[in-house]
Amino acid sequence: MKEIKFRAWDKTLGKWDYFTADNIIVYIQTWQKHVINGDEFYQYTGLKDKNGKEIYEGDIVKDTVLIGDVRFTNGAFSAWFINVPEGWNHEYIPVFMGMNNTEVVGDIYENPELLKQEG
């Protein structure tokens, strides 16, 4: 069974705060703190990259040559790539596809430069 985990980008401290739904009191207190701060919340996908690192929404992943960020859209977690090869008619793929080669290389707050296309 997938663990229900979250993280929030603490705008005040400039760091991630990780928490689970296991201890409901701590969960509610943590959630409320971040709601008051206007922080962004992201959920654990239930998957790990090729190095065993947990993959969350907001992570930046690299799969061989493709690089993109993980989002929850259309009812599923997907990686949205910035460097889609010409002729490929998809700009995203579900994150569970090709996990053997996928690696978390950063996140959208601490490493936004990774999502800049080289021109």
C-alpha atoms as a PDB file:
ATOM      1  CA  MET A   1       0.000   0.000   0.000  1.00  0.00           C
ATOM      2  CA  LYS A   2       1.309   3.425  -0.947  1.00  0.00           C
ATOM      3  CA  GLU A   3       2.361   5.665   1.905  1.00  0.00           C
ATOM      4  CA  ILE A   4       0.507   8.969   1.964  1.00  0.00           C
ATOM      5  CA  LYS A   5       3.232  11.561   2.252  1.00  0.00           C
ATOM      6  CA  PHE A   6       3.414  15.239   1.498  1.00  0.00           C
ATOM      7  CA  ARG A   7       5.918  18.018   1.438  1.00  0.00           C
ATOM      8  CA  ALA A   8       5.418  21.756   1.500  1.00  0.00           C
ATOM      9  CA  TRP A   9       7.776  24.446   0.262  1.00  0.00           C
ATOM     10  CA  ASP A  10       8.126  26.739   3.266  1.00  0.00           C
ATOM     11  CA  LYS A  11       8.334  30.199   1.657  1.00  0.00           C
ATOM     12  CA  THR A  12       9.480  31.784   4.909  1.00  0.00           C
ATOM     13  CA  LEU A  13      12.381  29.396   5.574  1.00  0.00           C
ATOM     14  CA  GLY A  14      13.102  28.501   1.945  1.00  0.00           C
ATOM     15  CA  LYS A  15      13.155  24.751   2.575  1.00  0.00           C
ATOM     16  CA  TRP A  16      11.035  21.621   2.266  1.00  0.00           C
ATOM     17  CA  ASP A  17       8.947  20.377   5.184  1.00  0.00           C
ATOM     18  CA  TYR A  18       8.048  16.679   4.864  1.00  0.00           C
ATOM     19  CA  PHE A  19       5.093  15.110   6.669  1.00  0.00           C
ATOM     20  CA  THR A  20       2.791  12.086   6.524  1.00  0.00           C
ATOM     21  CA  ALA A  21      -0.822  11.335   7.255  1.00  0.00           C
ATOM     22  CA  ASP A  22       0.178   8.647   9.796  1.00  0.00           C
ATOM     23  CA  ASN A  23      -0.120  10.868  12.879  1.00  0.00           C
ATOM     24  CA  ILE A  24      -3.293  12.833  12.211  1.00  0.00           C
ATOM     25  CA  ILE A  25      -2.638  15.462  14.917  1.00  0.00           C
ATOM     26  CA  VAL A  26       0.861  16.292  13.646  1.00  0.00           C
ATOM     27  CA  TYR A  27      -0.454  16.144  10.074  1.00  0.00           C
ATOM     28  CA  ILE A  28      -3.255  18.670  10.775  1.00  0.00           C
ATOM     29  CA  GLN A  29      -0.944  21.019  12.693  1.00  0.00           C
ATOM     30  CA  THR A  30       1.682  20.910   9.921  1.00  0.00           C
ATOM     31  CA  TRP A  31      -0.943  21.351   7.195  1.00  0.00           C
ATOM     32  CA  GLN A  32      -2.508  24.353   8.972  1.00  0.00           C
ATOM     33  CA  LYS A  33       0.886  26.030   9.446  1.00  0.00           C
ATOM     34  CA  HIS A  34       1.576  25.830   5.720  1.00  0.00           C
ATOM     35  CA  VAL A  35      -1.930  26.927   4.723  1.00  0.00           C
ATOM     36  CA  ILE A  36      -1.555  30.057   6.883  1.00  0.00           C
ATOM     37  CA  ASN A  37       1.855  30.767   5.293  1.00  0.00           C
ATOM     38  CA  GLY A  38       0.430  30.309   1.796  1.00  0.00           C
ATOM     39  CA  ASP A  39       2.971  27.573   1.073  1.00  0.00           C
ATOM     40  CA  GLU A  40       2.698  25.117  -1.824  1.00  0.00           C
ATOM     41  CA  PHE A  41       1.914  21.432  -1.176  1.00  0.00           C
ATOM     42  CA  TYR A  42       3.119  18.425  -3.124  1.00  0.00           C
ATOM     43  CA  GLN A  43       2.333  14.718  -2.774  1.00  0.00           C
ATOM     44  CA  TYR A  44       4.602  11.675  -2.884  1.00  0.00           C
ATOM     45  CA  THR A  45       4.000   9.682  -6.082  1.00  0.00           C
ATOM     46  CA  GLY A  46       4.605   6.354  -4.365  1.00  0.00           C
ATOM     47  CA  LEU A  47       7.563   5.769  -6.691  1.00  0.00           C
ATOM     48  CA  LYS A  48      11.331   5.934  -6.349  1.00  0.00           C
ATOM     49  CA  ASP A  49      13.938   6.840  -8.928  1.00  0.00           C
ATOM     50  CA  LYS A  50      16.751   4.562 -10.118  1.00  0.00           C
ATOM     51  CA  ASN A  51      18.773   5.493  -7.000  1.00  0.00           C
ATOM     52  CA  GLY A  52      15.945   4.755  -4.545  1.00  0.00           C
ATOM     53  CA  LYS A  53      15.039   8.434  -3.965  1.00  0.00           C
ATOM     54  CA  GLU A  54      11.338   9.156  -3.437  1.00  0.00           C
ATOM     55  CA  ILE A  55       9.682  11.073  -6.282  1.00  0.00           C
ATOM     56  CA  TYR A  56       7.344  13.935  -5.322  1.00  0.00           C
ATOM     57  CA  GLU A  57       5.325  16.410  -7.337  1.00  0.00           C
ATOM     58  CA  GLY A  58       7.595  19.352  -8.025  1.00  0.00           C
ATOM     59  CA  ASP A  59      10.679  17.196  -8.494  1.00  0.00           C
ATOM     60  CA  ILE A  60      12.761  17.618 -11.613  1.00  0.00           C
ATOM     61  CA  VAL A  61      13.543  14.284 -13.201  1.00  0.00           C
ATOM     62  CA  LYS A  62      15.876  13.220 -15.962  1.00  0.00           C
ATOM     63  CA  ASP A  63      15.326  10.131 -18.085  1.00  0.00           C
ATOM     64  CA  THR A  64      18.377   9.510 -20.270  1.00  0.00           C
ATOM     65  CA  VAL A  65      18.172  12.774 -22.300  1.00  0.00           C
ATOM     66  CA  LEU A  66      14.720  14.089 -21.357  1.00  0.00           C
ATOM     67  CA  ILE A  67      14.332  16.464 -18.421  1.00  0.00           C
ATOM     68  CA  GLY A  68      11.107  17.734 -16.869  1.00  0.00           C
ATOM     69  CA  ASP A  69       9.078  18.278 -13.742  1.00  0.00           C
ATOM     70  CA  VAL A  70       6.600  15.962 -12.038  1.00  0.00           C
ATOM     71  CA  ARG A  71       2.975  17.146 -11.875  1.00  0.00           C
ATOM     72  CA  PHE A  72      -0.412  15.683 -10.979  1.00  0.00           C
ATOM     73  CA  THR A  73      -2.619  16.230 -14.021  1.00  0.00           C
ATOM     74  CA  ASN A  74      -5.441  14.333 -15.684  1.00  0.00           C
ATOM     75  CA  GLY A  75      -5.753  12.091 -12.616  1.00  0.00           C
ATOM     76  CA  ALA A  76      -2.157  10.825 -12.668  1.00  0.00           C
ATOM     77  CA  PHE A  77       1.405  11.805 -11.843  1.00  0.00           C
ATOM     78  CA  SER A  78       3.260  12.700 -15.038  1.00  0.00           C
ATOM     79  CA  ALA A  79       6.651  14.071 -15.990  1.00  0.00           C
ATOM     80  CA  TRP A  80       6.341  17.127 -18.259  1.00  0.00           C
ATOM     81  CA  PHE A  81       9.416  17.449 -20.410  1.00  0.00           C
ATOM     82  CA  ILE A  82      10.958  20.648 -21.756  1.00  0.00           C
ATOM     83  CA  ASN A  83      13.136  19.040 -24.425  1.00  0.00           C
ATOM     84  CA  VAL A  84      10.733  16.799 -26.344  1.00  0.00           C
ATOM     85  CA  PRO A  85      12.327  15.366 -29.520  1.00  0.00           C
ATOM     86  CA  GLU A  86      10.963  16.667 -32.814  1.00  0.00           C
ATOM     87  CA  GLY A  87       8.172  14.485 -34.129  1.00  0.00           C
ATOM     88  CA  TRP A  88       7.226  13.159 -30.699  1.00  0.00           C
ATOM     89  CA  ASN A  89       3.572  14.016 -30.155  1.00  0.00           C
ATOM     90  CA  HIS A  90       3.600  13.924 -26.335  1.00  0.00           C
ATOM     91  CA  GLU A  91       5.127  16.462 -23.980  1.00  0.00           C
ATOM     92  CA  TYR A  92       4.483  14.324 -20.902  1.00  0.00           C
ATOM     93  CA  ILE A  93       4.519  10.675 -19.862  1.00  0.00           C
ATOM     94  CA  PRO A  94       3.211   8.948 -16.725  1.00  0.00           C
ATOM     95  CA  VAL A  95       6.039   8.773 -14.173  1.00  0.00           C
ATOM     96  CA  PHE A  96       5.695   5.014 -13.718  1.00  0.00           C
ATOM     97  CA  MET A  97       6.861   4.427 -17.313  1.00  0.00           C
ATOM     98  CA  GLY A  98      10.600   4.004 -17.764  1.00  0.00           C
ATOM     99  CA  MET A  99      11.423   4.291 -14.064  1.00  0.00           C
ATOM    100  CA  ASN A 100      14.584   2.185 -14.530  1.00  0.00           C
ATOM    101  CA  ASN A 101      16.321   5.190 -16.122  1.00  0.00           C
ATOM    102  CA  THR A 102      14.639   8.042 -14.259  1.00  0.00           C
ATOM    103  CA  GLU A 103      16.607  10.088 -11.740  1.00  0.00           C
ATOM    104  CA  VAL A 104      15.560  12.981  -9.499  1.00  0.00           C
ATOM    105  CA  VAL A 105      18.028  15.779 -10.292  1.00  0.00           C
ATOM    106  CA  GLY A 106      16.434  18.628  -8.351  1.00  0.00           C
ATOM    107  CA  ASP A 107      13.162  20.408  -7.667  1.00  0.00           C
ATOM    108  CA  ILE A 108      11.261  23.409  -9.000  1.00  0.00           C
ATOM    109  CA  TYR A 109      12.209  25.710  -6.089  1.00  0.00           C
ATOM    110  CA  GLU A 110      15.856  24.907  -5.410  1.00  0.00           C
ATOM    111  CA  ASN A 111      16.880  24.170  -9.020  1.00  0.00           C
ATOM    112  CA  PRO A 112      14.576  26.086 -11.423  1.00  0.00           C
ATOM    113  CA  GLU A 113      17.488  26.621 -13.811  1.00  0.00           C
ATOM    114  CA  LEU A 114      17.297  22.927 -14.726  1.00  0.00           C
ATOM    115  CA  LEU A 115      14.008  23.610 -16.529  1.00  0.00           C
ATOM    116  CA  LYS A 116      15.460  26.360 -18.718  1.00  0.00           C
ATOM    117  CA  GLN A 117      15.826  25.275 -22.319  1.00  0.00           C
ATOM    118  CA  GLU A 118      19.156  25.973 -23.857  1.00  0.00           C
ATOM    119  CA  GLY A 119      18.736  28.041 -26.951  1.00  0.00           C
END
